[in-house]
Structure formats: C-alpha cells, structure tokens
PDB file of N, CA and C in Angstrom:
ATOM      1  N   MET A   1       7.133 -64.186 -34.485  1.00  0.00           N
ATOM      2  CA  MET A   1       8.143 -64.345 -33.461  1.00  0.00           C
ATOM      3  C   MET A   1       9.219 -65.170 -33.234  1.00  0.00           C
ATOM      4  N   GLU A   2       9.635 -66.182 -33.691  1.00  0.00           N
ATOM      5  CA  GLU A   2      10.602 -66.867 -34.201  1.00  0.00           C
ATOM      6  C   GLU A   2      11.367 -66.322 -34.657  1.00  0.00           C
ATOM      7  N   ASN A   3      11.992 -65.618 -35.958  1.00  0.00           N
ATOM      8  CA  ASN A   3      12.407 -65.238 -36.755  1.00  0.00           C
ATOM      9  C   ASN A   3      12.555 -63.730 -36.575  1.00  0.00           C
ATOM     10  N   MET A   4      12.572 -63.199 -35.043  1.00  0.00           N
ATOM     11  CA  MET A   4      13.159 -61.672 -34.269  1.00  0.00           C
ATOM     12  C   MET A   4      14.426 -61.556 -34.737  1.00  0.00           C
ATOM     13  N   GLN A   5      15.051 -61.074 -34.893  1.00  0.00           N
ATOM     14  CA  GLN A   5      16.012 -60.113 -34.844  1.00  0.00           C
ATOM     15  C   GLN A   5      16.738 -59.138 -33.750  1.00  0.00           C
ATOM     16  N   LEU A   6      17.321 -59.664 -32.773  1.00  0.00           N
ATOM     17  CA  LEU A   6      17.729 -58.025 -32.089  1.00  0.00           C
ATOM     18  C   LEU A   6      18.106 -57.315 -32.453  1.00  0.00           C
ATOM     19  N   THR A   7      18.379 -56.250 -32.321  1.00  0.00           N
ATOM     20  CA  THR A   7      19.524 -54.933 -32.453  1.00  0.00           C
ATOM     21  C   THR A   7      20.285 -54.380 -30.861  1.00  0.00           C
ATOM     22  N   MET A   8      21.020 -55.006 -30.833  1.00  0.00           N
ATOM     23  CA  MET A   8      22.081 -54.698 -29.051  1.00  0.00           C
ATOM     24  C   MET A   8      22.255 -53.435 -30.006  1.00  0.00           C
ATOM     25  N   SER A   9      22.665 -52.611 -31.044  1.00  0.00           N
ATOM     26  CA  SER A   9      23.409 -51.236 -30.830  1.00  0.00           C
ATOM     27  C   SER A   9      23.047 -50.691 -32.692  1.00  0.00           C
ATOM     28  N   GLN A  10      23.210 -50.278 -32.884  1.00  0.00           N
ATOM     29  CA  GLN A  10      24.075 -49.320 -34.202  1.00  0.00           C
ATOM     30  C   GLN A  10      25.235 -50.195 -34.477  1.00  0.00           C
ATOM     31  N   GLY A  11      24.527 -51.216 -35.310  1.00  0.00           N
ATOM     32  CA  GLY A  11      26.353 -52.249 -36.025  1.00  0.00           C
ATOM     33  C   GLY A  11      26.298 -53.672 -35.478  1.00  0.00           C
ATOM     34  N   PHE A  12      25.022 -53.710 -34.366  1.00  0.00           N
ATOM     35  CA  PHE A  12      25.755 -55.254 -33.344  1.00  0.00           C
ATOM     36  C   PHE A  12      24.436 -55.924 -33.480  1.00  0.00           C
ATOM     37  N   ARG A  13      24.276 -56.412 -34.458  1.00  0.00           N
ATOM     38  CA  ARG A  13      23.416 -57.645 -34.750  1.00  0.00           C
ATOM     39  C   ARG A  13      22.788 -58.324 -34.513  1.00  0.00           C
ATOM     40  N   SER A  14      22.274 -59.152 -33.081  1.00  0.00           N
ATOM     41  CA  SER A  14      21.919 -60.375 -33.552  1.00  0.00           C
ATOM     42  C   SER A  14      21.881 -61.648 -34.699  1.00  0.00           C
ATOM     43  N   PRO A  15      22.335 -62.072 -34.375  1.00  0.00           N
ATOM     44  CA  PRO A  15      22.258 -63.540 -35.564  1.00  0.00           C
ATOM     45  C   PRO A  15      20.854 -64.073 -35.570  1.00  0.00           C
ATOM     46  N   ASN A  16      20.560 -64.273 -36.397  1.00  0.00           N
ATOM     47  CA  ASN A  16      18.566 -65.587 -37.096  1.00  0.00           C
ATOM     48  C   ASN A  16      19.054 -65.817 -36.014  1.00  0.00           C
ATOM     49  N   PRO A  17      17.489 -66.008 -35.523  1.00  0.00           N
ATOM     50  CA  PRO A  17      17.782 -67.415 -33.856  1.00  0.00           C
ATOM     51  C   PRO A  17      17.289 -69.161 -35.095  1.00  0.00           C
ATOM     52  N   ALA A  18      16.193 -68.132 -36.571  1.00  0.00           N
ATOM     53  CA  ALA A  18      16.273 -69.719 -36.813  1.00  0.00           C
ATOM     54  C   ALA A  18      17.069 -70.089 -37.717  1.00  0.00           C
ATOM     55  N   LYS A  19      17.958 -69.128 -38.661  1.00  0.00           N
ATOM     56  CA  LYS A  19      19.459 -70.470 -38.710  1.00  0.00           C
ATOM     57  C   LYS A  19      20.570 -70.120 -38.250  1.00  0.00           C
ATOM     58  N   THR A  20      20.945 -70.162 -36.606  1.00  0.00           N
ATOM     59  CA  THR A  20      21.622 -70.280 -35.711  1.00  0.00           C
ATOM     60  C   THR A  20      22.122 -71.211 -35.036  1.00  0.00           C
ATOM     61  N   SER A  21      22.649 -71.935 -34.811  1.00  0.00           N
ATOM     62  CA  SER A  21      22.975 -73.146 -33.563  1.00  0.00           C
ATOM     63  C   SER A  21      23.190 -71.728 -32.181  1.00  0.00           C
ATOM     64  N   ARG A  22      23.267 -72.825 -31.441  1.00  0.00           N
ATOM     65  CA  ARG A  22      23.912 -72.436 -29.925  1.00  0.00           C
ATOM     66  C   ARG A  22      25.285 -72.494 -30.268  1.00  0.00           C
ATOM     67  N   GLU A  23      26.387 -72.785 -30.676  1.00  0.00           N
ATOM     68  CA  GLU A  23      27.759 -73.182 -30.870  1.00  0.00           C
ATOM     69  C   GLU A  23      28.576 -71.684 -31.774  1.00  0.00           C
ATOM     70  N   GLN A  24      27.501 -71.251 -33.024  1.00  0.00           N
ATOM     71  CA  GLN A  24      27.455 -70.496 -33.540  1.00  0.00           C
ATOM     72  C   GLN A  24      27.158 -69.045 -32.896  1.00  0.00           C
ATOM     73  N   TYR A  25      26.230 -68.959 -32.135  1.00  0.00           N
ATOM     74  CA  TYR A  25      25.807 -68.302 -31.009  1.00  0.00           C
ATOM     75  C   TYR A  25      26.966 -67.223 -30.782  1.00  0.00           C
ATOM     76  N   GLU A  26      27.567 -68.512 -29.471  1.00  0.00           N
ATOM     77  CA  GLU A  26      28.877 -68.781 -28.636  1.00  0.00           C
ATOM     78  C   GLU A  26      30.067 -68.302 -29.904  1.00  0.00           C
ATOM     79  N   ALA A  27      30.117 -68.291 -30.824  1.00  0.00           N
ATOM     80  CA  ALA A  27      31.423 -68.107 -31.674  1.00  0.00           C
ATOM     81  C   ALA A  27      31.122 -66.423 -31.976  1.00  0.00           C
ATOM     82  N   LYS A  28      29.974 -66.040 -32.454  1.00  0.00           N
ATOM     83  CA  LYS A  28      29.465 -64.581 -32.568  1.00  0.00           C
ATOM     84  C   LYS A  28      29.817 -64.066 -31.210  1.00  0.00           C
ATOM     85  N   ILE A  29      29.351 -64.397 -30.387  1.00  0.00           N
ATOM     86  CA  ILE A  29      29.842 -63.553 -29.063  1.00  0.00           C
ATOM     87  C   ILE A  29      31.150 -63.277 -29.031  1.00  0.00           C
ATOM     88  N   ASP A  30      32.061 -64.898 -28.940  1.00  0.00           N
ATOM     89  CA  ASP A  30      33.909 -65.057 -28.846  1.00  0.00           C
ATOM     90  C   ASP A  30      34.253 -63.260 -29.996  1.00  0.00           C
ATOM     91  N   GLU A  31      33.897 -63.393 -30.749  1.00  0.00           N
ATOM     92  CA  GLU A  31      34.293 -62.076 -31.530  1.00  0.00           C
ATOM     93  C   GLU A  31      33.321 -60.509 -31.751  1.00  0.00           C
ATOM     94  N   LEU A  32      32.794 -60.646 -30.745  1.00  0.00           N
ATOM     95  CA  LEU A  32      32.944 -58.863 -30.133  1.00  0.00           C
ATOM     96  C   LEU A  32      33.096 -58.340 -29.478  1.00  0.00           C
ATOM     97  N   PRO A  33      33.718 -57.051 -30.082  1.00  0.00           N
ATOM     98  CA  PRO A  33      34.837 -56.366 -28.782  1.00  0.00           C
ATOM     99  C   PRO A  33      34.779 -56.391 -27.520  1.00  0.00           C
ATOM    100  N   PRO A  34      35.638 -56.593 -26.687  1.00  0.00           N
ATOM    101  CA  PRO A  34      35.298 -56.946 -25.246  1.00  0.00           C
ATOM    102  C   PRO A  34      34.892 -56.014 -24.549  1.00  0.00           C
ATOM    103  N   GLU A  35      35.053 -54.088 -24.857  1.00  0.00           N
ATOM    104  CA  GLU A  35      34.754 -53.455 -24.342  1.00  0.00           C
ATOM    105  C   GLU A  35      34.333 -52.394 -24.719  1.00  0.00           C
ATOM    106  N   ASN A  36      33.340 -52.730 -25.725  1.00  0.00           N
ATOM    107  CA  ASN A  36      32.427 -51.919 -26.106  1.00  0.00           C
ATOM    108  C   ASN A  36      31.334 -51.373 -26.403  1.00  0.00           C
ATOM    109  N   PRO A  37      31.764 -49.674 -25.390  1.00  0.00           N
ATOM    110  CA  PRO A  37      30.339 -49.103 -24.450  1.00  0.00           C
ATOM    111  C   PRO A  37      29.081 -48.441 -25.408  1.00  0.00           C
ATOM    112  N   ASN A  38      29.018 -49.101 -26.901  1.00  0.00           N
ATOM    113  CA  ASN A  38      28.144 -48.959 -27.492  1.00  0.00           C
ATOM    114  C   ASN A  38      27.129 -50.046 -27.576  1.00  0.00           C
ATOM    115  N   MET A  39      27.660 -51.071 -26.950  1.00  0.00           N
ATOM    116  CA  MET A  39      27.077 -52.848 -26.583  1.00  0.00           C
ATOM    117  C   MET A  39      26.430 -52.582 -25.707  1.00  0.00           C
ATOM    118  N   PHE A  40      26.505 -51.348 -24.756  1.00  0.00           N
ATOM    119  CA  PHE A  40      25.526 -51.275 -23.677  1.00  0.00           C
ATOM    120  C   PHE A  40      24.707 -49.889 -23.967  1.00  0.00           C
ATOM    121  N   GLY A  41      24.795 -48.911 -24.641  1.00  0.00           N
ATOM    122  CA  GLY A  41      23.637 -48.192 -25.060  1.00  0.00           C
ATOM    123  C   GLY A  41      24.383 -46.971 -24.573  1.00  0.00           C
ATOM    124  N   LEU A  42      25.623 -46.997 -24.526  1.00  0.00           N
ATOM    125  CA  LEU A  42      26.900 -45.748 -23.651  1.00  0.00           C
ATOM    126  C   LEU A  42      27.581 -44.963 -24.950  1.00  0.00           C
ATOM    127  N   HIS A  43      27.628 -44.194 -24.475  1.00  0.00           N
ATOM    128  CA  HIS A  43      28.959 -42.925 -25.850  1.00  0.00           C
ATOM    129  C   HIS A  43      30.350 -43.746 -25.846  1.00  0.00           C
ATOM    130  N   SER A  44      30.837 -43.406 -27.001  1.00  0.00           N
ATOM    131  CA  SER A  44      31.930 -43.959 -27.014  1.00  0.00           C
ATOM    132  C   SER A  44      32.605 -43.736 -26.284  1.00  0.00           C
ATOM    133  N   ASN A  45      32.683 -41.919 -25.781  1.00  0.00           N
ATOM    134  CA  ASN A  45      33.908 -41.689 -24.563  1.00  0.00           C
ATOM    135  C   ASN A  45      33.350 -42.045 -23.073  1.00  0.00           C
ATOM    136  N   ALA A  46      32.441 -43.136 -23.471  1.00  0.00           N
ATOM    137  CA  ALA A  46      32.490 -43.742 -21.816  1.00  0.00           C
ATOM    138  C   ALA A  46      34.403 -44.542 -21.712  1.00  0.00           C
ATOM    139  N   GLU A  47      34.547 -45.182 -22.597  1.00  0.00           N
ATOM    140  CA  GLU A  47      35.637 -46.465 -22.953  1.00  0.00           C
ATOM    141  C   GLU A  47      36.790 -45.251 -21.954  1.00  0.00           C
ATOM    142  N   ILE A  48      37.006 -44.164 -22.770  1.00  0.00           N
ATOM    143  CA  ILE A  48      37.842 -43.138 -22.457  1.00  0.00           C
ATOM    144  C   ILE A  48      38.002 -42.808 -20.934  1.00  0.00           C
ATOM    145  N   GLY A  49      37.021 -42.669 -20.083  1.00  0.00           N
ATOM    146  CA  GLY A  49      37.122 -42.047 -18.961  1.00  0.00           C
ATOM    147  C   GLY A  49      37.468 -43.543 -18.486  1.00  0.00           C
ATOM    148  N   TYR A  50      36.505 -44.429 -18.644  1.00  0.00           N
ATOM    149  CA  TYR A  50      36.809 -45.619 -18.106  1.00  0.00           C
ATOM    150  C   TYR A  50      38.328 -46.013 -17.451  1.00  0.00           C
ATOM    151  N   LEU A  51      39.124 -46.114 -19.013  1.00  0.00           N
ATOM    152  CA  LEU A  51      40.323 -46.603 -19.249  1.00  0.00           C
ATOM    153  C   LEU A  51      41.091 -45.673 -18.068  1.00  0.00           C
ATOM    154  N   THR A  52      41.284 -44.160 -18.374  1.00  0.00           N
ATOM    155  CA  THR A  52      41.555 -43.153 -17.756  1.00  0.00           C
ATOM    156  C   THR A  52      41.397 -42.773 -16.317  1.00  0.00           C
ATOM    157  N   ASN A  53      40.274 -43.450 -15.555  1.00  0.00           N
ATOM    158  CA  ASN A  53      39.992 -43.796 -13.739  1.00  0.00           C
ATOM    159  C   ASN A  53      41.186 -44.880 -13.851  1.00  0.00           C
ATOM    160  N   LEU A  54      40.789 -46.032 -14.336  1.00  0.00           N
ATOM    161  CA  LEU A  54      41.517 -47.841 -14.086  1.00  0.00           C
ATOM    162  C   LEU A  54      43.208 -47.219 -13.918  1.00  0.00           C
ATOM    163  N   GLY A  55      43.517 -46.681 -14.906  1.00  0.00           N
ATOM    164  CA  GLY A  55      44.758 -45.925 -15.215  1.00  0.00           C
ATOM    165  C   GLY A  55      45.544 -44.858 -13.994  1.00  0.00           C
ATOM    166  N   GLU A  56      45.288 -44.386 -13.285  1.00  0.00           N
ATOM    167  CA  GLU A  56      45.087 -43.574 -12.472  1.00  0.00           C
ATOM    168  C   GLU A  56      45.434 -44.425 -10.985  1.00  0.00           C
ATOM    169  N   SER A  57      44.154 -45.124 -10.779  1.00  0.00           N
ATOM    170  CA  SER A  57      44.135 -46.193  -9.867  1.00  0.00           C
ATOM    171  C   SER A  57      45.179 -46.990  -9.536  1.00  0.00           C
ATOM    172  N   LEU A  58      45.524 -47.056 -10.881  1.00  0.00           N
ATOM    173  CA  LEU A  58      46.992 -48.714 -10.931  1.00  0.00           C
ATOM    174  C   LEU A  58      48.245 -47.743 -10.439  1.00  0.00           C
ATOM    175  N   CYS A  59      48.480 -46.647 -11.364  1.00  0.00           N
ATOM    176  CA  CYS A  59      49.270 -45.556 -10.553  1.00  0.00           C
ATOM    177  C   CYS A  59      49.716 -45.383  -9.313  1.00  0.00           C
ATOM    178  N   PHE A  60      48.206 -45.153  -8.457  1.00  0.00           N
ATOM    179  CA  PHE A  60      48.551 -44.872  -7.224  1.00  0.00           C
ATOM    180  C   PHE A  60      48.895 -45.993  -6.973  1.00  0.00           C
ATOM    181  N   THR A  61      48.336 -47.359  -6.697  1.00  0.00           N
ATOM    182  CA  THR A  61      48.296 -49.243  -6.554  1.00  0.00           C
ATOM    183  C   THR A  61      49.562 -49.078  -5.787  1.00  0.00           C
ATOM    184  N   ILE A  62      50.293 -48.507  -7.259  1.00  0.00           N
ATOM    185  CA  ILE A  62      51.726 -48.745  -7.750  1.00  0.00           C
ATOM    186  C   ILE A  62      52.988 -48.182  -6.807  1.00  0.00           C
ATOM    187  N   LEU A  63      52.300 -46.360  -6.352  1.00  0.00           N
ATOM    188  CA  LEU A  63      53.089 -46.254  -5.335  1.00  0.00           C
ATOM    189  C   LEU A  63      53.319 -46.152  -4.418  1.00  0.00           C
ATOM    190  N   GLN A  64      51.878 -46.545  -3.804  1.00  0.00           N
ATOM    191  CA  GLN A  64      52.126 -47.452  -2.592  1.00  0.00           C
ATOM    192  C   GLN A  64      52.475 -48.254  -2.028  1.00  0.00           C
ATOM    193  N   CYS A  65      52.527 -49.257  -3.086  1.00  0.00           N
ATOM    194  CA  CYS A  65      53.072 -50.277  -3.156  1.00  0.00           C
ATOM    195  C   CYS A  65      55.198 -50.612  -2.592  1.00  0.00           C
ATOM    196  N   SER A  66      55.029 -49.603  -3.584  1.00  0.00           N
ATOM    197  CA  SER A  66      56.569 -48.672  -3.659  1.00  0.00           C
ATOM    198  C   SER A  66      57.083 -48.491  -2.386  1.00  0.00           C
ATOM    199  N   GLY A  67      56.479 -47.517  -0.978  1.00  0.00           N
ATOM    200  CA  GLY A  67      57.027 -47.506  -0.063  1.00  0.00           C
ATOM    201  C   GLY A  67      58.505 -46.125  -0.289  1.00  0.00           C
ATOM    202  N   SER A  68      58.981 -45.959   0.640  1.00  0.00           N
ATOM    203  CA  SER A  68      60.015 -44.832   0.926  1.00  0.00           C
ATOM    204  C   SER A  68      60.411 -45.854   1.767  1.00  0.00           C
ATOM    205  N   SER A  69      62.384 -45.780   2.051  1.00  0.00           N
ATOM    206  CA  SER A  69      63.485 -46.151   3.029  1.00  0.00           C
ATOM    207  C   SER A  69      63.828 -45.452   3.368  1.00  0.00           C
ATOM    208  N   GLY A  70      63.343 -44.786   4.317  1.00  0.00           N
ATOM    209  CA  GLY A  70      63.665 -43.775   4.903  1.00  0.00           C
ATOM    210  C   GLY A  70      64.742 -44.284   6.426  1.00  0.00           C
ATOM    211  N   GLY A  71      65.590 -45.354   5.585  1.00  0.00           N
ATOM    212  CA  GLY A  71      66.789 -45.484   6.592  1.00  0.00           C
ATOM    213  C   GLY A  71      67.823 -44.693   7.448  1.00  0.00           C
ATOM    214  N   GLY A  72      68.165 -43.814   8.136  1.00  0.00           N
ATOM    215  CA  GLY A  72      69.530 -43.108   8.984  1.00  0.00           C
ATOM    216  C   GLY A  72      70.322 -43.394   7.821  1.00  0.00           C
ATOM    217  N   GLY A  73      71.495 -42.617   7.171  1.00  0.00           N
ATOM    218  CA  GLY A  73      72.708 -43.822   6.544  1.00  0.00           C
ATOM    219  C   GLY A  73      73.823 -42.651   7.827  1.00  0.00           C
ATOM    220  N   GLY A  74      73.975 -42.884   8.877  1.00  0.00           N
ATOM    221  CA  GLY A  74      74.622 -42.361  10.125  1.00  0.00           C
ATOM    222  C   GLY A  74      76.344 -42.251   9.701  1.00  0.00           C
ATOM    223  N   SER A  75      77.523 -41.623   9.807  1.00  0.00           N
ATOM    224  CA  SER A  75      78.625 -41.855   9.623  1.00  0.00           C
ATOM    225  C   SER A  75      79.919 -42.448  10.325  1.00  0.00           C
ATOM    226  N   LYS A  76      80.518 -43.371   9.958  1.00  0.00           N
ATOM    227  CA  LYS A  76      81.304 -44.081  10.352  1.00  0.00           C
ATOM    228  C   LYS A  76      82.387 -43.740  11.021  1.00  0.00           C
ATOM    229  N   LYS A  77      81.588 -42.474  11.642  1.00  0.00           N
ATOM    230  CA  LYS A  77      82.438 -41.713  13.006  1.00  0.00           C
ATOM    231  C   LYS A  77      81.559 -42.224  14.313  1.00  0.00           C
ATOM    232  N   ASP A  78      80.173 -42.451  13.816  1.00  0.00           N
ATOM    233  CA  ASP A  78      78.888 -43.089  14.961  1.00  0.00           C
ATOM    234  C   ASP A  78      79.867 -43.895  15.633  1.00  0.00           C
ATOM    235  N   GLU A  79      80.425 -44.607  15.363  1.00  0.00           N
ATOM    236  CA  GLU A  79      80.961 -46.564  15.784  1.00  0.00           C
ATOM    237  C   GLU A  79      81.053 -46.388  16.796  1.00  0.00           C
TER     238      GLU A  79
END
C-alpha cells in the first residue's frame, strides 16, 4: 500500500509517494491546469458551459451597473 499511485483521471496520475516529498507534491499540484473538468470526472465540454454562463452573468451585471440617465433635456424657452 505504500507505493500506491492514484490515477485522478486519464493522463493525471499522482506522483509516487515513496519517491516524492511534500514540496514536490505541492509543485506538481501547482503545475496542473487550474480548471480541467477531467480532474473532477466531468466531460471536457463542461468547461464550455461553465465559461458561457460566467460570461453571460458578467455581461448582465455590467448592464445592470450602467443604468440609464433619463434626464430630460428641456429647451431654453422653458427658463
């Protein structure tokens, strides 16, 4: 059990614990892609849906913040 290596996902195998220090594990984790759906057992297209929803939410928030300046422009005759 000491030399057990975990396969997190296809192409993502954990380092050999008998030959790896804590610092090396941390370095390996830092090298991994930050948002790879395969690491979590999801289909690779899951990231597309996530990023699409994130973009739509961002645009909606920007539109809400921009507001509208509905000031009436009257003419000089009204003064």
